[in-house]
């Protein structure tokens, strides 16, 4: 049943990644709420919240 609900994830272009990065930095500095969608185990998961910090060591 879960296999039928799986979706194919898409990859971001370099320009899209830069836009996401800019949006996250802006949200961090302006204390804006963000809605993040991530792909995990065949499904898209949406998280809503505020950016408190960025762990640049984990971003590589």
C-alpha atoms as a PDB file:
ATOM      1  CA  UNK A   1       0.000   0.000   0.000  1.00  0.00           C
ATOM      2  CA  UNK A   2       2.774   2.481   0.944  1.00  0.00           C
ATOM      3  CA  UNK A   3       4.611   1.691  -2.300  1.00  0.00           C
ATOM      4  CA  UNK A   4       1.630   3.029  -4.275  1.00  0.00           C
ATOM      5  CA  UNK A   5       1.852   6.391  -2.467  1.00  0.00           C
ATOM      6  CA  UNK A   6       5.536   6.935  -3.292  1.00  0.00           C
ATOM      7  CA  UNK A   7       6.479   9.821  -5.564  1.00  0.00           C
ATOM      8  CA  UNK A   8       9.605  10.452  -7.600  1.00  0.00           C
ATOM      9  CA  UNK A   9      11.671  13.292  -6.185  1.00  0.00           C
ATOM     10  CA  UNK A  10      13.179  15.971  -8.354  1.00  0.00           C
ATOM     11  CA  UNK A  11      16.637  17.479  -8.116  1.00  0.00           C
ATOM     12  CA  UNK A  12      17.173  21.209  -7.748  1.00  0.00           C
ATOM     13  CA  UNK A  13      19.217  23.216 -10.207  1.00  0.00           C
ATOM     14  CA  UNK A  14      22.111  25.340  -8.957  1.00  0.00           C
ATOM     15  CA  UNK A  15      19.955  28.462  -9.346  1.00  0.00           C
ATOM     16  CA  UNK A  16      17.111  26.906  -7.339  1.00  0.00           C
ATOM     17  CA  UNK A  17      19.534  25.911  -4.560  1.00  0.00           C
ATOM     18  CA  UNK A  18      20.852  29.485  -4.420  1.00  0.00           C
ATOM     19  CA  UNK A  19      17.277  30.807  -4.138  1.00  0.00           C
ATOM     20  CA  UNK A  20      16.506  28.375  -1.303  1.00  0.00           C
ATOM     21  CA  UNK A  21      19.716  29.422   0.456  1.00  0.00           C
ATOM     22  CA  UNK A  22      18.829  33.117   0.089  1.00  0.00           C
ATOM     23  CA  UNK A  23      15.298  32.499   1.411  1.00  0.00           C
ATOM     24  CA  UNK A  24      16.601  30.593   4.449  1.00  0.00           C
ATOM     25  CA  UNK A  25      19.171  33.277   5.290  1.00  0.00           C
ATOM     26  CA  UNK A  26      16.493  35.959   4.956  1.00  0.00           C
ATOM     27  CA  UNK A  27      14.125  33.982   7.204  1.00  0.00           C
ATOM     28  CA  UNK A  28      16.885  33.555   9.782  1.00  0.00           C
ATOM     29  CA  UNK A  29      17.755  37.248   9.933  1.00  0.00           C
ATOM     30  CA  UNK A  30      14.181  38.576   9.708  1.00  0.00           C
ATOM     31  CA  UNK A  31      12.635  35.913  11.973  1.00  0.00           C
ATOM     32  CA  UNK A  32      10.203  34.831   9.245  1.00  0.00           C
ATOM     33  CA  UNK A  33       8.231  31.616   9.353  1.00  0.00           C
ATOM     34  CA  UNK A  34       9.219  29.095   6.668  1.00  0.00           C
ATOM     35  CA  UNK A  35       7.564  26.055   5.140  1.00  0.00           C
ATOM     36  CA  UNK A  36      10.125  23.416   4.166  1.00  0.00           C
ATOM     37  CA  UNK A  37       9.298  20.458   1.978  1.00  0.00           C
ATOM     38  CA  UNK A  38      11.738  17.570   2.011  1.00  0.00           C
ATOM     39  CA  UNK A  39      11.761  14.180   0.343  1.00  0.00           C
ATOM     40  CA  UNK A  40      12.063  11.185   2.647  1.00  0.00           C
ATOM     41  CA  UNK A  41      11.439   7.523   1.888  1.00  0.00           C
ATOM     42  CA  UNK A  42       9.311   8.128  -1.192  1.00  0.00           C
ATOM     43  CA  UNK A  43       7.163  10.899   0.272  1.00  0.00           C
ATOM     44  CA  UNK A  44       7.290  14.661   0.555  1.00  0.00           C
ATOM     45  CA  UNK A  45       7.118  15.934   4.134  1.00  0.00           C
ATOM     46  CA  UNK A  46       6.254  19.569   4.932  1.00  0.00           C
ATOM     47  CA  UNK A  47       7.635  21.207   8.068  1.00  0.00           C
ATOM     48  CA  UNK A  48       6.703  24.707   9.253  1.00  0.00           C
ATOM     49  CA  UNK A  49       8.713  26.782  11.701  1.00  0.00           C
ATOM     50  CA  UNK A  50      11.375  29.405  12.264  1.00  0.00           C
ATOM     51  CA  UNK A  51      15.085  29.110  11.429  1.00  0.00           C
ATOM     52  CA  UNK A  52      17.084  29.397  14.649  1.00  0.00           C
ATOM     53  CA  UNK A  53      20.572  28.588  13.340  1.00  0.00           C
ATOM     54  CA  UNK A  54      22.374  27.040  10.410  1.00  0.00           C
ATOM     55  CA  UNK A  55      24.879  24.256  10.992  1.00  0.00           C
ATOM     56  CA  UNK A  56      27.297  24.988   8.148  1.00  0.00           C
ATOM     57  CA  UNK A  57      29.359  21.885   8.945  1.00  0.00           C
ATOM     58  CA  UNK A  58      26.372  19.680   8.084  1.00  0.00           C
ATOM     59  CA  UNK A  59      25.606  21.583   4.864  1.00  0.00           C
ATOM     60  CA  UNK A  60      28.574  20.259   2.943  1.00  0.00           C
END
